Amino acid sequence: MGLGSIAIGAGLCLLSCVAAGLGMGLATGKAVDAVGRQPEASGKISSILLLGLALTESTAIYGFVTALIVLFTLK
């Protein structure tokens, strides 16, 4: 394999990091809107938001680790 194809593969793995960042920003914005509409439900909204953010962040971490594996093992 050439270095160019390895770099392209690592870049494709990192697309999950970009998507996770966009998803987390969207989810946080929606949670802020929901708390603004119903402040009494902020506890439930926060707990659901944190669970969703943790799952989204794990997806980004998996993509990052996969990119590192591709970069450092394929030579």
C-alpha atoms as a PDB file:
ATOM      1  CA  MET A   1       0.000   0.000   0.000  1.00  0.00           C
ATOM      2  CA  GLY A   2       1.139   3.496  -0.725  1.00  0.00           C
ATOM      3  CA  LEU A   3       1.323   6.324   1.770  1.00  0.00           C
ATOM      4  CA  GLY A   4      -1.380   8.187  -0.097  1.00  0.00           C
ATOM      5  CA  SER A   5      -3.940   5.419   0.305  1.00  0.00           C
ATOM      6  CA  ILE A   6      -3.079   5.078   3.998  1.00  0.00           C
ATOM      7  CA  ALA A   7      -3.600   8.819   4.498  1.00  0.00           C
ATOM      8  CA  ILE A   8      -6.927   8.675   2.664  1.00  0.00           C
ATOM      9  CA  GLY A   9      -8.018   5.735   4.829  1.00  0.00           C
ATOM     10  CA  ALA A  10      -7.080   7.577   8.014  1.00  0.00           C
ATOM     11  CA  GLY A  11      -8.940  10.656   6.799  1.00  0.00           C
ATOM     12  CA  LEU A  12     -12.037   8.596   6.156  1.00  0.00           C
ATOM     13  CA  CYS A  13     -11.816   7.192   9.676  1.00  0.00           C
ATOM     14  CA  LEU A  14     -11.707  10.718  11.044  1.00  0.00           C
ATOM     15  CA  LEU A  15     -14.980  11.640   9.343  1.00  0.00           C
ATOM     16  CA  SER A  16     -16.718  10.069  12.333  1.00  0.00           C
ATOM     17  CA  CYS A  17     -15.029  12.690  14.546  1.00  0.00           C
ATOM     18  CA  VAL A  18     -16.412  15.494  12.397  1.00  0.00           C
ATOM     19  CA  ALA A  19     -19.894  13.979  12.377  1.00  0.00           C
ATOM     20  CA  ALA A  20     -19.770  13.472  16.150  1.00  0.00           C
ATOM     21  CA  GLY A  21     -18.825  17.110  16.702  1.00  0.00           C
ATOM     22  CA  LEU A  22     -21.694  18.309  14.534  1.00  0.00           C
ATOM     23  CA  GLY A  23     -24.111  15.941  16.246  1.00  0.00           C
ATOM     24  CA  MET A  24     -23.051  17.052  19.710  1.00  0.00           C
ATOM     25  CA  GLY A  25     -23.467  20.695  18.792  1.00  0.00           C
ATOM     26  CA  LEU A  26     -26.925  20.056  17.387  1.00  0.00           C
ATOM     27  CA  ALA A  27     -27.991  18.018  20.422  1.00  0.00           C
ATOM     28  CA  THR A  28     -26.720  20.645  22.848  1.00  0.00           C
ATOM     29  CA  GLY A  29     -28.583  23.386  21.001  1.00  0.00           C
ATOM     30  CA  LYS A  30     -31.812  21.393  21.073  1.00  0.00           C
ATOM     31  CA  ALA A  31     -31.361  20.703  24.792  1.00  0.00           C
ATOM     32  CA  VAL A  32     -30.884  24.410  25.491  1.00  0.00           C
ATOM     33  CA  ASP A  33     -34.068  25.154  23.547  1.00  0.00           C
ATOM     34  CA  ALA A  34     -35.949  22.484  25.496  1.00  0.00           C
ATOM     35  CA  VAL A  35     -34.775  23.846  28.860  1.00  0.00           C
ATOM     36  CA  GLY A  36     -35.743  27.322  27.737  1.00  0.00           C
ATOM     37  CA  ARG A  37     -39.277  26.114  27.003  1.00  0.00           C
ATOM     38  CA  GLN A  38     -39.654  23.903  30.090  1.00  0.00           C
ATOM     39  CA  PRO A  39     -37.216  24.866  32.845  1.00  0.00           C
ATOM     40  CA  GLU A  40     -38.867  22.458  35.299  1.00  0.00           C
ATOM     41  CA  ALA A  41     -37.762  19.490  33.152  1.00  0.00           C
ATOM     42  CA  SER A  42     -34.105  20.503  33.058  1.00  0.00           C
ATOM     43  CA  GLY A  43     -32.993  17.541  35.186  1.00  0.00           C
ATOM     44  CA  LYS A  44     -34.466  14.962  32.823  1.00  0.00           C
ATOM     45  CA  ILE A  45     -33.247  16.830  29.757  1.00  0.00           C
ATOM     46  CA  SER A  46     -29.720  17.073  31.158  1.00  0.00           C
ATOM     47  CA  SER A  47     -29.498  13.393  32.010  1.00  0.00           C
ATOM     48  CA  ILE A  48     -30.726  12.316  28.570  1.00  0.00           C
ATOM     49  CA  LEU A  49     -28.380  14.838  26.930  1.00  0.00           C
ATOM     50  CA  LEU A  50     -25.359  13.544  28.841  1.00  0.00           C
ATOM     51  CA  LEU A  51     -26.151   9.951  27.898  1.00  0.00           C
ATOM     52  CA  GLY A  52     -26.463  10.902  24.231  1.00  0.00           C
ATOM     53  CA  LEU A  53     -23.259  12.951  24.312  1.00  0.00           C
ATOM     54  CA  ALA A  54     -21.350  10.062  25.886  1.00  0.00           C
ATOM     55  CA  LEU A  55     -22.508   7.675  23.161  1.00  0.00           C
ATOM     56  CA  THR A  56     -21.661  10.200  20.464  1.00  0.00           C
ATOM     57  CA  GLU A  57     -18.231  10.845  21.935  1.00  0.00           C
ATOM     58  CA  SER A  58     -17.490   7.130  22.040  1.00  0.00           C
ATOM     59  CA  THR A  59     -18.152   6.991  18.293  1.00  0.00           C
ATOM     60  CA  ALA A  60     -15.638   9.794  17.757  1.00  0.00           C
ATOM     61  CA  ILE A  61     -13.056   8.043  19.942  1.00  0.00           C
ATOM     62  CA  TYR A  62     -13.492   4.777  18.004  1.00  0.00           C
ATOM     63  CA  GLY A  63     -12.928   6.627  14.742  1.00  0.00           C
ATOM     64  CA  PHE A  64      -9.836   8.358  16.111  1.00  0.00           C
ATOM     65  CA  VAL A  65      -8.345   5.127  17.444  1.00  0.00           C
ATOM     66  CA  THR A  66      -9.058   3.398  14.131  1.00  0.00           C
ATOM     67  CA  ALA A  67      -7.278   6.214  12.286  1.00  0.00           C
ATOM     68  CA  LEU A  68      -4.252   5.857  14.584  1.00  0.00           C
ATOM     69  CA  ILE A  69      -4.187   2.107  14.023  1.00  0.00           C
ATOM     70  CA  VAL A  70      -4.327   2.630  10.259  1.00  0.00           C
ATOM     71  CA  LEU A  71      -1.513   5.178  10.367  1.00  0.00           C
ATOM     72  CA  PHE A  72       0.861   3.276  12.606  1.00  0.00           C
ATOM     73  CA  THR A  73       0.343  -0.336  11.551  1.00  0.00           C
ATOM     74  CA  LEU A  74       0.060  -0.070   7.769  1.00  0.00           C
ATOM     75  CA  LYS A  75       3.398   0.924   6.310  1.00  0.00           C
END
